[in-house]
Amino acid sequence: MDEVTQDKASDIAPSQETIRWKLYPVPVKDRINILLTAEQAGTAKLELHDLTGRLLQSRSMDVRSGTGTYSLGSGNLRSGIYILK
């Protein structure tokens, strides 16, 4: 399984913490799966942008502490490169 991995400061409230996430499958078919590991529970905001910066999807979700799998539909996206924030 190909995947994209990132460690970063997150937008999880109430404080800035480090989270680890992996995206799969690469390339995406009908769903983007996100394996997310967070130090504490909170709310995360995911945004999917095209390369021009246009917002295509936005979703807030409750995140549990520890590791969980979350999913976003890729909808009618054309083949290409996208940015997930």
Protein backbone atom coordinates (compact mmCIF):
# COMPACT_ATOMS: atom_id res chain seq x y z
CA MET A 1 0.00 0.00 0.00
CA ASP A 2 1.39 3.42 -0.97
CA GLU A 3 0.78 6.20 1.51
CA VAL A 4 1.62 9.80 2.31
CA THR A 5 2.85 10.52 5.86
CA GLN A 6 3.13 13.85 7.65
CA ASP A 7 3.99 15.07 11.16
CA LYS A 8 2.85 18.60 11.87
CA ALA A 9 1.35 20.99 14.35
CA SER A 10 -2.38 20.54 13.98
CA ASP A 11 -5.46 22.69 14.18
CA ILE A 12 -6.84 20.48 16.94
CA ALA A 13 -8.34 22.65 19.69
CA PRO A 14 -7.67 23.74 22.38
CA SER A 15 -3.86 23.74 22.01
CA GLN A 16 -1.39 23.22 19.21
CA GLU A 17 -0.15 19.65 19.40
CA THR A 18 1.78 17.34 17.13
CA ILE A 19 -0.22 14.78 15.22
CA ARG A 20 0.83 12.10 12.78
CA TRP A 21 -1.23 11.22 9.76
CA LYS A 22 -1.08 8.90 6.77
CA LEU A 23 -3.16 9.09 3.62
CA TYR A 24 -4.04 6.06 1.51
CA PRO A 25 -4.54 4.71 -1.10
CA VAL A 26 -2.17 6.59 -3.38
CA PRO A 27 -3.43 7.26 -5.95
CA VAL A 28 -6.87 7.93 -4.48
CA LYS A 29 -9.82 6.12 -5.98
CA ASP A 30 -13.24 6.97 -4.51
CA ARG A 31 -12.25 7.71 -0.88
CA ILE A 32 -9.28 9.27 0.88
CA ASN A 33 -8.51 7.32 4.05
CA ILE A 34 -6.69 9.18 6.82
CA LEU A 35 -4.97 7.27 9.61
CA LEU A 36 -4.58 9.91 12.32
CA THR A 37 -2.68 9.65 15.60
CA ALA A 38 -3.29 12.46 18.11
CA GLU A 39 -2.03 13.01 21.64
CA GLN A 40 -5.42 14.22 22.84
CA ALA A 41 -9.02 14.39 21.68
CA GLY A 42 -10.30 17.54 19.96
CA THR A 43 -11.79 18.91 16.79
CA ALA A 44 -9.84 18.87 13.52
CA LYS A 45 -10.63 20.77 10.33
CA LEU A 46 -9.67 19.18 7.01
CA GLU A 47 -9.60 21.18 3.80
CA LEU A 48 -9.02 19.87 0.28
CA HIS A 49 -7.68 22.43 -2.23
CA ASP A 50 -6.73 22.29 -5.88
CA LEU A 51 -3.35 23.66 -7.01
CA THR A 52 -4.83 27.13 -7.61
CA GLY A 53 -5.76 27.27 -3.91
CA ARG A 54 -9.49 26.91 -4.51
CA LEU A 55 -11.25 25.18 -1.61
CA LEU A 56 -12.99 22.03 -2.86
CA GLN A 57 -14.06 20.40 0.42
CA SER A 58 -14.03 21.38 4.07
CA ARG A 59 -14.89 19.15 6.99
CA SER A 60 -14.67 19.45 10.77
CA MET A 61 -14.51 16.22 12.70
CA ASP A 62 -14.13 15.01 16.25
CA VAL A 63 -10.78 13.32 16.79
CA ARG A 64 -10.13 10.77 19.53
CA SER A 65 -6.84 10.57 21.36
CA GLY A 66 -4.73 7.73 20.04
CA THR A 67 -5.09 6.36 16.53
CA GLY A 68 -8.22 6.42 14.41
CA THR A 69 -9.15 6.12 10.75
CA TYR A 70 -11.21 8.83 9.05
CA SER A 71 -12.43 9.04 5.48
CA LEU A 72 -13.24 11.74 2.91
CA GLY A 73 -15.08 11.08 -0.33
CA SER A 74 -13.13 12.16 -3.39
CA GLY A 75 -16.40 12.92 -5.15
CA ASN A 76 -16.12 13.92 -8.76
CA LEU A 77 -12.51 15.04 -8.60
CA ARG A 78 -10.59 14.78 -11.82
CA SER A 79 -7.21 13.09 -11.94
CA GLY A 80 -4.57 15.50 -10.64
CA ILE A 81 -2.68 16.81 -7.64
CA TYR A 82 -4.52 18.18 -4.61
CA ILE A 83 -3.53 19.68 -1.26
CA LEU A 84 -5.00 18.42 2.02
CA LYS A 85 -4.61 20.81 4.96
